[in-house]
Amino acid sequence: MKIICFAILVEGQERIGLRLEFFDKECNKLIKKIGNARWSPSDKSWHIPKDPEHWHRCKSILSEHQLIIHKDEISQKKEDV
């Protein structure tokens, strides 16, 4: 499965957004294992803390999936997480 990774601001904090190409229950379970993963209903994507530890875990846990990194895409969210 393709997973798009992008920078996102949630309540002023930089996070890594993870958008799946389609709903997949098993992939959602894997993302939750990364730690501190939150779902954004308005953006229809997951987001995790933007730090080396969480990024390393993300790449390791999702190693069987294709991670597509969008370095320039930044969006702001004001929702509660």
Protein backbone atom coordinates (compact mmCIF):
# COMPACT_ATOMS: atom_id res chain seq x y z
CA MET A 1 0.00 0.00 0.00
CA LYS A 2 1.12 3.55 -0.68
CA ILE A 3 1.30 5.86 2.33
CA ILE A 4 1.88 9.56 1.73
CA CYS A 5 4.01 11.20 4.43
CA PHE A 6 3.85 14.97 4.82
CA ALA A 7 4.54 17.75 7.30
CA ILE A 8 1.51 19.02 9.19
CA LEU A 9 0.93 21.55 11.98
CA VAL A 10 -1.55 20.44 14.66
CA GLU A 11 -2.28 23.06 17.29
CA GLY A 12 1.05 24.74 16.53
CA GLN A 13 3.09 21.53 16.79
CA GLU A 14 4.96 20.04 13.86
CA ARG A 15 3.89 16.46 13.17
CA ILE A 16 4.21 13.92 10.36
CA GLY A 17 0.98 13.23 8.50
CA LEU A 18 0.33 9.73 7.14
CA ARG A 19 -2.38 9.36 4.49
CA LEU A 20 -3.28 5.86 3.26
CA GLU A 21 -4.34 5.36 -0.35
CA PHE A 22 -7.42 3.49 0.90
CA PHE A 23 -8.87 2.25 4.19
CA ASP A 24 -7.01 -0.73 5.59
CA LYS A 25 -7.78 -1.98 9.10
CA GLU A 26 -4.46 -3.83 9.47
CA CYS A 27 -2.43 -0.81 8.36
CA ASN A 28 -4.32 1.35 10.87
CA LYS A 29 -3.31 -1.11 13.60
CA LEU A 30 0.34 -0.83 12.52
CA ILE A 31 0.23 2.98 12.61
CA LYS A 32 -1.12 2.88 16.16
CA LYS A 33 1.96 0.84 17.15
CA ILE A 34 4.24 3.75 16.18
CA GLY A 35 3.20 5.56 19.34
CA ASN A 36 1.31 8.81 19.92
CA ALA A 37 -0.49 8.41 16.57
CA ARG A 38 -3.68 10.45 16.23
CA TRP A 39 -6.41 10.38 13.58
CA SER A 40 -7.47 13.66 11.94
CA PRO A 41 -11.05 13.32 10.67
CA SER A 42 -10.88 16.65 8.84
CA ASP A 43 -7.67 15.74 6.99
CA LYS A 44 -8.54 12.04 6.72
CA SER A 45 -5.03 11.09 7.78
CA TRP A 46 -3.01 9.94 10.77
CA HIS A 47 -0.31 12.10 12.34
CA ILE A 48 2.61 11.26 14.59
CA PRO A 49 5.21 13.42 16.41
CA LYS A 50 7.86 14.85 14.12
CA ASP A 51 11.05 13.57 15.74
CA PRO A 52 13.75 11.04 14.78
CA GLU A 53 12.49 8.34 17.17
CA HIS A 54 8.92 8.29 15.83
CA TRP A 55 10.08 8.60 12.20
CA HIS A 56 12.45 5.64 12.64
CA ARG A 57 9.64 3.58 14.22
CA CYS A 58 7.30 4.60 11.40
CA LYS A 59 9.73 3.42 8.71
CA SER A 60 10.42 0.19 10.58
CA ILE A 61 6.79 -0.71 11.36
CA LEU A 62 5.55 0.23 7.88
CA SER A 63 8.53 -1.29 6.05
CA GLU A 64 6.30 -3.54 3.94
CA HIS A 65 4.46 -0.50 2.55
CA GLN A 66 5.58 2.18 0.10
CA LEU A 67 6.20 5.46 1.94
CA ILE A 68 5.94 8.48 -0.36
CA ILE A 69 7.52 11.56 1.23
CA HIS A 70 6.15 15.03 0.38
CA LYS A 71 8.65 17.43 1.92
CA ASP A 72 7.04 20.65 0.68
CA GLU A 73 3.43 20.00 1.66
CA ILE A 74 2.54 21.74 4.94
CA SER A 75 -1.00 22.25 6.17
CA GLN A 76 -2.35 23.74 9.39
CA LYS A 77 -4.94 22.08 11.58
CA LYS A 78 -6.62 23.67 14.58
CA GLU A 79 -8.47 20.59 15.78
CA ASP A 80 -8.14 19.04 19.19
CA VAL A 81 -6.09 15.89 19.28
